[in-house]
Amino acid sequence: MALLSLRDAPRPRGLVLEEVPAPRLAPWAAALSASTEETTPSVPLASGRLVVLHDPDGQPAWDGDFRLVVEVRAQIDDESGTDPFLGAVAWSWLTDSLDDTGAGYHSLVGTVTRALSETFGGLSLSDACTHIEVRASWSPRTPDLAPHLQAWYELIHLASGHEPQLAQPLTLAPLETTTSTSFLAPVTDLMGVLR
């Protein structure tokens, strides 16, 4: 049911989705990466990864048998990078996104990191840039993971400087149903199921 809820979740606008290898942190896992189609100049405005973990026996730290782990990284302007409230604001992007989509959750933990990067190479010094990164994990209250996926899409858009409305889905034709009701296999073609 959980995997089907991801497959049936509406697709966002302006994001490129791709299945990526999931870390082996639980018996069952799957992961997606996303990046904005819009770039500056050749780097996405924001990108991220979502990992779904499932342990049928549960894990005490999760207080459940599912755990969602997200990471979102975006380039920000220098002025925003020095704002003392940036961490609290970025964290509110996550909590507001979860609340906006109705994603029931508990045991939310995470960090907000800002970093100044200076790149050297060849004969010239590339421009310095400041990044913000939100890393978080939480346990869903139900196996319906679609609202959590939507919240992740919204977080990426907010981090890229877009309005959250861009995360609203496109209307798609109904997808074929599958006969499997199991969650995730250790090696899962998640994008094949999402198509």
N, C-alpha and C. Protein backbone atom coordinates (compact mmCIF):
# COMPACT_ATOMS: atom_id res chain seq x y z
N MET A 1 0.82 -1.20 0.00
CA MET A 1 0.00 0.00 0.00
C MET A 1 0.87 1.27 0.00
N ALA A 2 1.96 1.25 0.77
CA ALA A 2 2.82 2.44 0.84
C ALA A 2 3.44 2.75 -0.51
N LEU A 3 3.94 1.71 -1.18
CA LEU A 3 4.57 1.93 -2.47
C LEU A 3 3.56 2.40 -3.50
N LEU A 4 2.36 1.83 -3.45
CA LEU A 4 1.31 2.27 -4.37
C LEU A 4 0.93 3.72 -4.12
N SER A 5 0.96 4.15 -2.87
CA SER A 5 0.62 5.55 -2.58
C SER A 5 1.66 6.48 -3.19
N LEU A 6 2.92 6.06 -3.25
CA LEU A 6 3.94 6.87 -3.92
C LEU A 6 3.72 6.87 -5.42
N ARG A 7 3.42 5.71 -5.96
CA ARG A 7 3.21 5.61 -7.40
C ARG A 7 2.04 6.46 -7.86
N ASP A 8 0.99 6.49 -7.05
CA ASP A 8 -0.22 7.21 -7.43
C ASP A 8 -0.19 8.69 -7.07
N ALA A 9 0.87 9.13 -6.40
CA ALA A 9 0.95 10.55 -6.02
C ALA A 9 1.05 11.43 -7.26
N PRO A 10 0.37 12.57 -7.28
CA PRO A 10 0.47 13.48 -8.42
C PRO A 10 1.91 13.94 -8.65
N ARG A 11 2.27 14.14 -9.90
CA ARG A 11 3.62 14.57 -10.25
C ARG A 11 3.73 16.09 -10.14
N PRO A 12 4.88 16.59 -9.71
CA PRO A 12 5.05 18.04 -9.59
C PRO A 12 5.43 18.66 -10.92
N ARG A 13 5.24 19.97 -11.00
CA ARG A 13 5.74 20.72 -12.15
C ARG A 13 7.15 21.21 -11.86
N GLY A 14 7.95 21.32 -12.89
CA GLY A 14 9.25 21.96 -12.78
C GLY A 14 10.34 21.16 -12.10
N LEU A 15 10.10 19.87 -11.83
CA LEU A 15 11.11 19.04 -11.21
C LEU A 15 11.42 17.82 -12.08
N VAL A 16 12.67 17.42 -12.08
CA VAL A 16 13.10 16.21 -12.77
C VAL A 16 13.31 15.14 -11.70
N LEU A 17 12.60 14.01 -11.82
CA LEU A 17 12.67 12.94 -10.84
C LEU A 17 13.48 11.77 -11.39
N GLU A 18 14.20 11.10 -10.49
CA GLU A 18 14.99 9.94 -10.90
C GLU A 18 15.13 8.99 -9.73
N GLU A 19 15.05 7.69 -10.01
CA GLU A 19 15.32 6.71 -8.97
C GLU A 19 16.82 6.66 -8.72
N VAL A 20 17.22 6.57 -7.46
CA VAL A 20 18.62 6.47 -7.09
C VAL A 20 18.78 5.32 -6.09
N PRO A 21 20.00 4.79 -5.94
CA PRO A 21 20.19 3.71 -4.97
C PRO A 21 19.84 4.19 -3.56
N ALA A 22 19.17 3.33 -2.82
CA ALA A 22 18.78 3.65 -1.45
C ALA A 22 19.83 3.13 -0.48
N PRO A 23 20.11 3.87 0.58
CA PRO A 23 21.05 3.37 1.59
C PRO A 23 20.45 2.14 2.30
N ARG A 24 21.30 1.24 2.71
CA ARG A 24 20.86 0.01 3.37
C ARG A 24 20.71 0.24 4.87
N LEU A 25 19.75 1.06 5.23
CA LEU A 25 19.52 1.38 6.63
C LEU A 25 18.35 0.61 7.22
N ALA A 26 17.67 -0.16 6.38
CA ALA A 26 16.51 -0.93 6.82
C ALA A 26 16.36 -2.11 5.86
N PRO A 27 15.59 -3.13 6.25
CA PRO A 27 15.41 -4.28 5.35
C PRO A 27 14.83 -3.91 4.00
N TRP A 28 14.00 -2.89 3.94
CA TRP A 28 13.36 -2.47 2.69
C TRP A 28 13.58 -0.98 2.51
N ALA A 29 13.99 -0.57 1.34
CA ALA A 29 14.29 0.85 1.11
C ALA A 29 14.15 1.21 -0.35
N ALA A 30 13.84 2.45 -0.61
CA ALA A 30 13.78 3.01 -1.96
C ALA A 30 14.11 4.49 -1.87
N ALA A 31 14.61 5.05 -2.96
CA ALA A 31 15.00 6.47 -2.93
C ALA A 31 14.74 7.13 -4.27
N LEU A 32 14.42 8.40 -4.20
CA LEU A 32 14.24 9.25 -5.37
C LEU A 32 15.10 10.49 -5.22
N SER A 33 15.57 11.01 -6.35
CA SER A 33 16.21 12.32 -6.33
C SER A 33 15.36 13.24 -7.19
N ALA A 34 15.47 14.52 -6.92
CA ALA A 34 14.73 15.52 -7.71
C ALA A 34 15.59 16.76 -7.83
N SER A 35 15.46 17.43 -8.94
CA SER A 35 16.13 18.72 -9.13
C SER A 35 15.23 19.62 -9.95
N THR A 36 15.39 20.91 -9.76
CA THR A 36 14.58 21.85 -10.52
C THR A 36 15.03 21.84 -11.97
N GLU A 37 14.07 21.99 -12.86
CA GLU A 37 14.40 22.13 -14.28
C GLU A 37 15.15 23.44 -14.51
N GLU A 38 14.79 24.45 -13.74
CA GLU A 38 15.43 25.77 -13.87
C GLU A 38 16.82 25.72 -13.24
N THR A 39 17.79 26.28 -13.94
CA THR A 39 19.18 26.23 -13.49
C THR A 39 19.79 27.63 -13.45
N THR A 40 20.96 27.75 -12.76
CA THR A 40 21.71 29.00 -12.73
C THR A 40 23.20 28.71 -12.74
N PRO A 41 23.96 28.88 -13.78
CA PRO A 41 23.50 28.78 -15.17
C PRO A 41 23.30 27.33 -15.59
N SER A 42 24.12 26.39 -15.06
CA SER A 42 23.93 24.99 -15.44
C SER A 42 23.69 24.10 -14.23
N VAL A 43 23.55 24.71 -13.07
CA VAL A 43 23.30 23.98 -11.83
C VAL A 43 21.84 24.20 -11.42
N PRO A 44 21.12 23.12 -11.05
CA PRO A 44 19.73 23.32 -10.62
C PRO A 44 19.62 24.31 -9.47
N LEU A 45 18.54 25.09 -9.45
CA LEU A 45 18.31 26.01 -8.34
C LEU A 45 18.25 25.26 -7.02
N ALA A 46 17.67 24.08 -7.04
CA ALA A 46 17.59 23.25 -5.84
C ALA A 46 17.53 21.79 -6.25
N SER A 47 17.97 20.94 -5.37
CA SER A 47 17.91 19.50 -5.61
C SER A 47 17.71 18.80 -4.28
N GLY A 48 17.35 17.54 -4.34
CA GLY A 48 17.13 16.83 -3.10
C GLY A 48 17.00 15.34 -3.30
N ARG A 49 16.89 14.66 -2.18
CA ARG A 49 16.71 13.21 -2.19
C ARG A 49 15.70 12.84 -1.11
N LEU A 50 14.87 11.86 -1.43
CA LEU A 50 13.89 11.32 -0.50
C LEU A 50 14.15 9.82 -0.39
N VAL A 51 14.27 9.34 0.84
CA VAL A 51 14.49 7.92 1.09
C VAL A 51 13.33 7.40 1.94
N VAL A 52 12.77 6.27 1.52
CA VAL A 52 11.72 5.60 2.28
C VAL A 52 12.33 4.33 2.86
N LEU A 53 12.24 4.20 4.17
CA LEU A 53 12.76 3.02 4.87
C LEU A 53 11.60 2.27 5.52
N HIS A 54 11.67 0.95 5.47
CA HIS A 54 10.63 0.14 6.10
C HIS A 54 11.27 -1.05 6.79
N ASP A 55 10.94 -1.21 8.05
CA ASP A 55 11.37 -2.37 8.83
C ASP A 55 10.11 -2.96 9.44
N PRO A 56 9.66 -4.13 8.95
CA PRO A 56 8.41 -4.71 9.47
C PRO A 56 8.41 -4.91 10.98
N ASP A 57 9.59 -5.09 11.57
CA ASP A 57 9.68 -5.25 13.02
C ASP A 57 9.71 -3.92 13.75
N GLY A 58 9.79 -2.83 13.01
CA GLY A 58 9.87 -1.51 13.61
C GLY A 58 11.25 -1.25 14.20
N GLN A 59 11.51 0.00 14.50
CA GLN A 59 12.75 0.39 15.16
C GLN A 59 12.39 1.39 16.26
N PRO A 60 12.95 1.21 17.45
CA PRO A 60 12.58 2.08 18.57
C PRO A 60 12.76 3.57 18.28
N ALA A 61 13.84 3.93 17.60
CA ALA A 61 14.10 5.34 17.33
C ALA A 61 13.04 5.93 16.38
N TRP A 62 12.45 5.08 15.56
CA TRP A 62 11.42 5.55 14.63
C TRP A 62 10.07 5.66 15.31
N ASP A 63 9.83 4.86 16.35
CA ASP A 63 8.52 4.73 16.95
C ASP A 63 7.50 4.30 15.90
N GLY A 64 7.90 3.33 15.07
CA GLY A 64 7.05 2.83 14.00
C GLY A 64 7.85 1.93 13.09
N ASP A 65 7.24 1.54 11.96
CA ASP A 65 7.95 0.66 11.02
C ASP A 65 8.33 1.34 9.71
N PHE A 66 7.99 2.63 9.56
CA PHE A 66 8.41 3.41 8.39
C PHE A 66 9.21 4.62 8.86
N ARG A 67 10.13 5.04 8.02
CA ARG A 67 10.87 6.29 8.28
C ARG A 67 11.13 6.94 6.94
N LEU A 68 10.93 8.25 6.89
CA LEU A 68 11.24 9.04 5.69
C LEU A 68 12.43 9.93 6.01
N VAL A 69 13.37 9.98 5.08
CA VAL A 69 14.57 10.79 5.22
C VAL A 69 14.66 11.68 3.99
N VAL A 70 14.83 12.99 4.21
CA VAL A 70 14.93 13.91 3.08
C VAL A 70 16.17 14.78 3.22
N GLU A 71 16.63 15.22 2.07
CA GLU A 71 17.71 16.20 1.98
C GLU A 71 17.33 17.15 0.85
N VAL A 72 17.45 18.43 1.08
CA VAL A 72 17.22 19.44 0.04
C VAL A 72 18.35 20.45 0.14
N ARG A 73 18.94 20.77 -1.01
CA ARG A 73 20.06 21.70 -1.07
C ARG A 73 19.76 22.75 -2.14
N ALA A 74 20.04 24.02 -1.81
CA ALA A 74 19.78 25.10 -2.76
C ALA A 74 20.83 26.18 -2.62
N GLN A 75 21.11 26.83 -3.73
CA GLN A 75 22.00 27.99 -3.70
C GLN A 75 21.18 29.21 -3.29
N ILE A 76 21.74 30.04 -2.41
CA ILE A 76 21.04 31.24 -1.96
C ILE A 76 21.95 32.45 -2.15
N ASP A 77 21.37 33.63 -2.12
CA ASP A 77 22.18 34.83 -2.29
C ASP A 77 22.98 35.10 -1.01
N ASP A 78 24.05 35.88 -1.16
CA ASP A 78 24.95 36.14 -0.04
C ASP A 78 24.25 36.81 1.13
N GLU A 79 23.33 37.73 0.84
CA GLU A 79 22.63 38.44 1.91
C GLU A 79 21.80 37.47 2.75
N SER A 80 21.08 36.57 2.07
CA SER A 80 20.29 35.58 2.81
C SER A 80 21.19 34.65 3.60
N GLY A 81 22.36 34.36 3.05
CA GLY A 81 23.28 33.46 3.72
C GLY A 81 23.79 33.95 5.05
N THR A 82 23.75 35.27 5.28
CA THR A 82 24.20 35.83 6.55
C THR A 82 23.05 36.16 7.50
N ASP A 83 21.83 35.90 7.09
CA ASP A 83 20.67 36.18 7.93
C ASP A 83 20.67 35.23 9.14
N PRO A 84 20.67 35.76 10.36
CA PRO A 84 20.72 34.89 11.55
C PRO A 84 19.47 34.02 11.70
N PHE A 85 18.38 34.36 11.02
CA PHE A 85 17.15 33.59 11.12
C PHE A 85 16.99 32.57 10.00
N LEU A 86 18.00 32.45 9.14
CA LEU A 86 17.88 31.57 7.98
C LEU A 86 17.57 30.13 8.37
N GLY A 87 18.24 29.61 9.39
CA GLY A 87 18.00 28.23 9.80
C GLY A 87 16.56 28.00 10.22
N ALA A 88 16.02 28.90 11.04
CA ALA A 88 14.63 28.77 11.49
C ALA A 88 13.65 28.89 10.33
N VAL A 89 13.95 29.79 9.40
CA VAL A 89 13.08 29.97 8.23
C VAL A 89 13.09 28.71 7.36
N ALA A 90 14.27 28.18 7.09
CA ALA A 90 14.37 26.97 6.26
C ALA A 90 13.68 25.79 6.93
N TRP A 91 13.80 25.67 8.25
CA TRP A 91 13.11 24.59 8.95
C TRP A 91 11.59 24.76 8.84
N SER A 92 11.13 26.02 8.88
CA SER A 92 9.68 26.25 8.74
C SER A 92 9.19 25.88 7.35
N TRP A 93 10.07 25.97 6.33
CA TRP A 93 9.66 25.52 4.99
C TRP A 93 9.26 24.05 5.06
N LEU A 94 10.04 23.25 5.78
CA LEU A 94 9.74 21.82 5.90
C LEU A 94 8.45 21.59 6.69
N THR A 95 8.36 22.16 7.88
CA THR A 95 7.18 21.90 8.70
C THR A 95 5.91 22.46 8.05
N ASP A 96 6.01 23.62 7.42
CA ASP A 96 4.84 24.18 6.72
C ASP A 96 4.43 23.28 5.56
N SER A 97 5.41 22.74 4.84
CA SER A 97 5.11 21.85 3.71
C SER A 97 4.41 20.59 4.19
N LEU A 98 4.89 20.01 5.27
CA LEU A 98 4.24 18.82 5.83
C LEU A 98 2.82 19.14 6.27
N ASP A 99 2.63 20.28 6.92
CA ASP A 99 1.30 20.67 7.37
C ASP A 99 0.38 21.01 6.20
N ASP A 100 0.91 21.71 5.19
CA ASP A 100 0.11 22.10 4.02
C ASP A 100 -0.45 20.89 3.28
N THR A 101 0.33 19.82 3.20
CA THR A 101 -0.10 18.65 2.44
C THR A 101 -0.88 17.65 3.29
N GLY A 102 -1.00 17.94 4.58
CA GLY A 102 -1.74 17.03 5.45
C GLY A 102 -0.98 15.75 5.77
N ALA A 103 0.34 15.80 5.70
CA ALA A 103 1.16 14.62 5.99
C ALA A 103 1.24 14.44 7.50
N GLY A 104 0.58 13.44 8.01
CA GLY A 104 0.66 13.16 9.45
C GLY A 104 2.04 12.60 9.77
N TYR A 105 2.69 13.17 10.77
CA TYR A 105 4.06 12.74 11.07
C TYR A 105 4.33 12.88 12.57
N HIS A 106 5.39 12.21 13.01
CA HIS A 106 5.87 12.36 14.38
C HIS A 106 7.36 12.04 14.39
N SER A 107 8.01 12.31 15.51
CA SER A 107 9.44 12.05 15.69
C SER A 107 10.28 12.76 14.62
N LEU A 108 9.94 14.01 14.34
CA LEU A 108 10.67 14.81 13.35
C LEU A 108 11.96 15.34 13.95
N VAL A 109 13.08 15.09 13.27
CA VAL A 109 14.38 15.61 13.67
C VAL A 109 15.13 16.05 12.42
N GLY A 110 16.10 16.95 12.59
CA GLY A 110 16.88 17.35 11.43
C GLY A 110 17.80 18.51 11.70
N THR A 111 18.45 18.95 10.64
CA THR A 111 19.40 20.05 10.71
C THR A 111 19.23 20.95 9.50
N VAL A 112 19.63 22.21 9.68
CA VAL A 112 19.74 23.16 8.57
C VAL A 112 21.19 23.66 8.58
N THR A 113 21.85 23.53 7.45
CA THR A 113 23.26 23.90 7.34
C THR A 113 23.43 24.92 6.23
N ARG A 114 24.25 25.93 6.48
CA ARG A 114 24.60 26.86 5.41
C ARG A 114 26.11 26.74 5.19
N ALA A 115 26.52 26.85 3.93
CA ALA A 115 27.94 26.68 3.61
C ALA A 115 28.34 27.65 2.50
N LEU A 116 29.51 28.24 2.66
CA LEU A 116 30.09 29.09 1.63
C LEU A 116 31.09 28.25 0.85
N SER A 117 30.92 28.16 -0.46
CA SER A 117 31.81 27.37 -1.30
C SER A 117 32.61 28.30 -2.21
N GLU A 118 33.91 28.08 -2.24
CA GLU A 118 34.79 28.79 -3.15
C GLU A 118 35.49 27.75 -4.01
N THR A 119 35.33 27.87 -5.31
CA THR A 119 35.88 26.88 -6.22
C THR A 119 37.08 27.45 -6.95
N PHE A 120 38.15 26.67 -6.98
CA PHE A 120 39.37 27.07 -7.66
C PHE A 120 39.66 26.07 -8.78
N GLY A 121 40.15 26.56 -9.88
CA GLY A 121 40.48 25.65 -10.97
C GLY A 121 40.94 26.41 -12.19
N GLY A 122 41.84 25.80 -12.94
CA GLY A 122 42.34 26.43 -14.15
C GLY A 122 43.07 27.71 -13.82
N LEU A 123 42.84 28.73 -14.62
CA LEU A 123 43.52 30.01 -14.44
C LEU A 123 42.67 31.04 -13.74
N SER A 124 41.44 30.66 -13.42
CA SER A 124 40.54 31.68 -12.84
C SER A 124 39.87 31.16 -11.59
N LEU A 125 39.43 32.09 -10.77
CA LEU A 125 38.69 31.78 -9.56
C LEU A 125 37.20 31.89 -9.88
N SER A 126 36.49 30.81 -9.65
CA SER A 126 35.04 30.84 -9.88
C SER A 126 34.38 31.66 -8.78
N ASP A 127 33.20 32.16 -9.06
CA ASP A 127 32.47 32.92 -8.06
C ASP A 127 32.17 32.07 -6.84
N ALA A 128 32.26 32.68 -5.69
CA ALA A 128 31.87 32.00 -4.46
C ALA A 128 30.35 31.93 -4.41
N CYS A 129 29.83 30.91 -3.75
CA CYS A 129 28.38 30.79 -3.62
C CYS A 129 28.05 30.23 -2.24
N THR A 130 26.85 30.56 -1.80
CA THR A 130 26.37 30.10 -0.50
C THR A 130 25.23 29.12 -0.74
N HIS A 131 25.27 28.00 -0.01
CA HIS A 131 24.23 26.99 -0.11
C HIS A 131 23.55 26.79 1.24
N ILE A 132 22.33 26.38 1.16
CA ILE A 132 21.62 25.95 2.36
C ILE A 132 21.19 24.51 2.13
N GLU A 133 21.26 23.74 3.20
CA GLU A 133 20.88 22.34 3.11
C GLU A 133 19.99 21.98 4.29
N VAL A 134 18.85 21.38 3.97
CA VAL A 134 17.92 20.90 4.99
C VAL A 134 17.98 19.38 4.96
N ARG A 135 18.28 18.79 6.11
CA ARG A 135 18.27 17.33 6.26
C ARG A 135 17.31 17.00 7.39
N ALA A 136 16.41 16.06 7.14
CA ALA A 136 15.42 15.73 8.17
C ALA A 136 14.93 14.31 8.01
N SER A 137 14.40 13.78 9.09
CA SER A 137 13.72 12.48 9.03
C SER A 137 12.54 12.50 9.98
N TRP A 138 11.54 11.72 9.65
CA TRP A 138 10.34 11.62 10.47
C TRP A 138 9.64 10.30 10.18
N SER A 139 8.73 9.97 11.04
CA SER A 139 7.92 8.75 10.88
C SER A 139 6.51 9.16 10.47
N PRO A 140 5.99 8.54 9.40
CA PRO A 140 4.62 8.85 8.99
C PRO A 140 3.62 8.17 9.91
N ARG A 141 2.47 8.78 10.08
CA ARG A 141 1.44 8.22 10.96
C ARG A 141 0.66 7.10 10.29
N THR A 142 0.66 7.08 8.93
CA THR A 142 -0.03 6.04 8.17
C THR A 142 0.86 5.60 7.02
N PRO A 143 0.55 4.46 6.38
CA PRO A 143 1.34 4.03 5.23
C PRO A 143 1.06 4.83 3.95
N ASP A 144 0.12 5.78 4.01
CA ASP A 144 -0.13 6.64 2.84
C ASP A 144 0.98 7.69 2.77
N LEU A 145 1.93 7.47 1.88
CA LEU A 145 3.11 8.34 1.81
C LEU A 145 2.98 9.46 0.78
N ALA A 146 1.88 9.50 0.03
CA ALA A 146 1.71 10.52 -1.00
C ALA A 146 1.82 11.94 -0.45
N PRO A 147 1.18 12.28 0.69
CA PRO A 147 1.31 13.65 1.21
C PRO A 147 2.75 14.00 1.59
N HIS A 148 3.52 13.03 2.02
CA HIS A 148 4.91 13.25 2.39
C HIS A 148 5.76 13.54 1.15
N LEU A 149 5.46 12.82 0.08
CA LEU A 149 6.14 13.06 -1.20
C LEU A 149 5.81 14.47 -1.70
N GLN A 150 4.54 14.86 -1.61
CA GLN A 150 4.14 16.21 -2.02
C GLN A 150 4.83 17.28 -1.17
N ALA A 151 4.98 17.01 0.14
CA ALA A 151 5.65 17.98 1.01
C ALA A 151 7.11 18.14 0.60
N TRP A 152 7.76 17.05 0.21
CA TRP A 152 9.15 17.10 -0.25
C TRP A 152 9.25 17.94 -1.53
N TYR A 153 8.31 17.72 -2.46
CA TYR A 153 8.29 18.54 -3.68
C TYR A 153 8.17 20.03 -3.32
N GLU A 154 7.26 20.33 -2.40
CA GLU A 154 7.02 21.72 -2.01
C GLU A 154 8.27 22.32 -1.35
N LEU A 155 8.94 21.54 -0.52
CA LEU A 155 10.16 22.01 0.13
C LEU A 155 11.23 22.36 -0.91
N ILE A 156 11.38 21.55 -1.94
CA ILE A 156 12.36 21.84 -2.99
C ILE A 156 12.03 23.16 -3.67
N HIS A 157 10.76 23.36 -4.00
CA HIS A 157 10.35 24.62 -4.64
C HIS A 157 10.59 25.82 -3.73
N LEU A 158 10.27 25.69 -2.46
CA LEU A 158 10.50 26.80 -1.54
C LEU A 158 11.99 27.12 -1.42
N ALA A 159 12.82 26.09 -1.33
CA ALA A 159 14.26 26.30 -1.22
C ALA A 159 14.83 26.96 -2.47
N SER A 160 14.21 26.71 -3.61
CA SER A 160 14.70 27.30 -4.86
C SER A 160 14.20 28.73 -5.06
N GLY A 161 13.36 29.21 -4.13
CA GLY A 161 12.86 30.58 -4.24
C GLY A 161 11.53 30.69 -4.97
N HIS A 162 10.92 29.55 -5.27
CA HIS A 162 9.62 29.56 -5.95
C HIS A 162 8.49 29.49 -4.94
N GLU A 163 7.33 29.87 -5.39
CA GLU A 163 6.15 29.75 -4.55
C GLU A 163 5.76 28.28 -4.44
N PRO A 164 5.21 27.86 -3.32
CA PRO A 164 4.87 26.44 -3.16
C PRO A 164 3.80 25.97 -4.13
N GLN A 165 3.05 26.90 -4.73
CA GLN A 165 2.01 26.49 -5.68
C GLN A 165 2.60 25.73 -6.86
N LEU A 166 3.89 25.96 -7.17
CA LEU A 166 4.50 25.23 -8.28
C LEU A 166 4.56 23.74 -7.99
N ALA A 167 4.48 23.37 -6.74
CA ALA A 167 4.50 21.95 -6.39
C ALA A 167 3.15 21.29 -6.62
N GLN A 168 2.13 22.09 -6.96
CA GLN A 168 0.82 21.51 -7.22
C GLN A 168 0.92 20.62 -8.45
N PRO A 169 0.21 19.51 -8.44
CA PRO A 169 0.41 18.49 -9.47
C PRO A 169 -0.19 18.85 -10.81
N LEU A 170 0.35 18.18 -11.80
CA LEU A 170 -0.25 18.15 -13.12
C LEU A 170 -1.33 17.08 -13.11
N THR A 171 -2.29 17.17 -14.00
CA THR A 171 -3.31 16.14 -14.10
C THR A 171 -2.81 15.09 -15.08
N LEU A 172 -2.79 13.85 -14.64
CA LEU A 172 -2.30 12.76 -15.47
C LEU A 172 -3.38 11.72 -15.67
N ALA A 173 -3.21 10.92 -16.71
CA ALA A 173 -4.11 9.81 -16.93
C ALA A 173 -3.94 8.78 -15.83
N PRO A 174 -4.97 8.00 -15.51
CA PRO A 174 -4.82 6.99 -14.46
C PRO A 174 -3.72 5.99 -14.80
N LEU A 175 -3.06 5.49 -13.77
CA LEU A 175 -1.99 4.52 -13.96
C LEU A 175 -2.54 3.12 -13.88
N GLU A 176 -1.83 2.15 -14.49
CA GLU A 176 -2.22 0.76 -14.38
C GLU A 176 -2.03 0.30 -12.94
N THR A 177 -2.88 -0.60 -12.50
CA THR A 177 -2.72 -1.13 -11.15
C THR A 177 -1.86 -2.39 -11.22
N THR A 178 -1.22 -2.69 -10.12
CA THR A 178 -0.41 -3.90 -10.04
C THR A 178 -1.08 -4.89 -9.11
N THR A 179 -0.69 -6.14 -9.19
CA THR A 179 -1.29 -7.16 -8.35
C THR A 179 -0.54 -7.29 -7.03
N SER A 180 0.66 -6.72 -6.94
CA SER A 180 1.45 -6.86 -5.72
C SER A 180 0.97 -5.87 -4.66
N THR A 181 0.85 -6.36 -3.44
CA THR A 181 0.48 -5.48 -2.33
C THR A 181 1.63 -5.33 -1.35
N SER A 182 2.76 -5.96 -1.64
CA SER A 182 3.90 -5.81 -0.74
C SER A 182 4.47 -4.41 -0.86
N PHE A 183 5.26 -4.00 0.14
CA PHE A 183 5.80 -2.64 0.12
C PHE A 183 6.97 -2.53 -0.83
N LEU A 184 8.17 -2.68 -0.35
CA LEU A 184 9.36 -2.50 -1.16
C LEU A 184 10.22 -3.76 -1.10
N ALA A 185 10.71 -4.18 -2.24
CA ALA A 185 11.67 -5.27 -2.25
C ALA A 185 13.05 -4.70 -1.96
N PRO A 186 13.99 -5.54 -1.49
CA PRO A 186 15.33 -5.00 -1.22
C PRO A 186 15.93 -4.31 -2.45
N VAL A 187 15.66 -4.84 -3.64
CA VAL A 187 16.09 -4.17 -4.85
C VAL A 187 14.83 -3.86 -5.62
N THR A 188 14.41 -2.62 -5.61
CA THR A 188 13.13 -2.22 -6.17
C THR A 188 13.31 -1.23 -7.30
N ASP A 189 12.60 -1.45 -8.40
CA ASP A 189 12.57 -0.46 -9.47
C ASP A 189 11.45 0.51 -9.14
N LEU A 190 11.72 1.45 -8.25
CA LEU A 190 10.69 2.38 -7.77
C LEU A 190 10.13 3.21 -8.90
N MET A 191 10.99 3.69 -9.80
CA MET A 191 10.49 4.53 -10.88
C MET A 191 9.60 3.73 -11.82
N GLY A 192 9.90 2.44 -11.98
CA GLY A 192 9.02 1.60 -12.80
C GLY A 192 7.63 1.54 -12.20
N VAL A 193 7.55 1.52 -10.89
CA VAL A 193 6.26 1.50 -10.23
C VAL A 193 5.63 2.88 -10.28
N LEU A 194 6.45 3.93 -10.24
CA LEU A 194 5.90 5.28 -10.25
C LEU A 194 5.38 5.68 -11.62
N ARG A 195 5.86 5.04 -12.66
CA ARG A 195 5.44 5.43 -14.01
C ARG A 195 3.97 5.15 -14.23
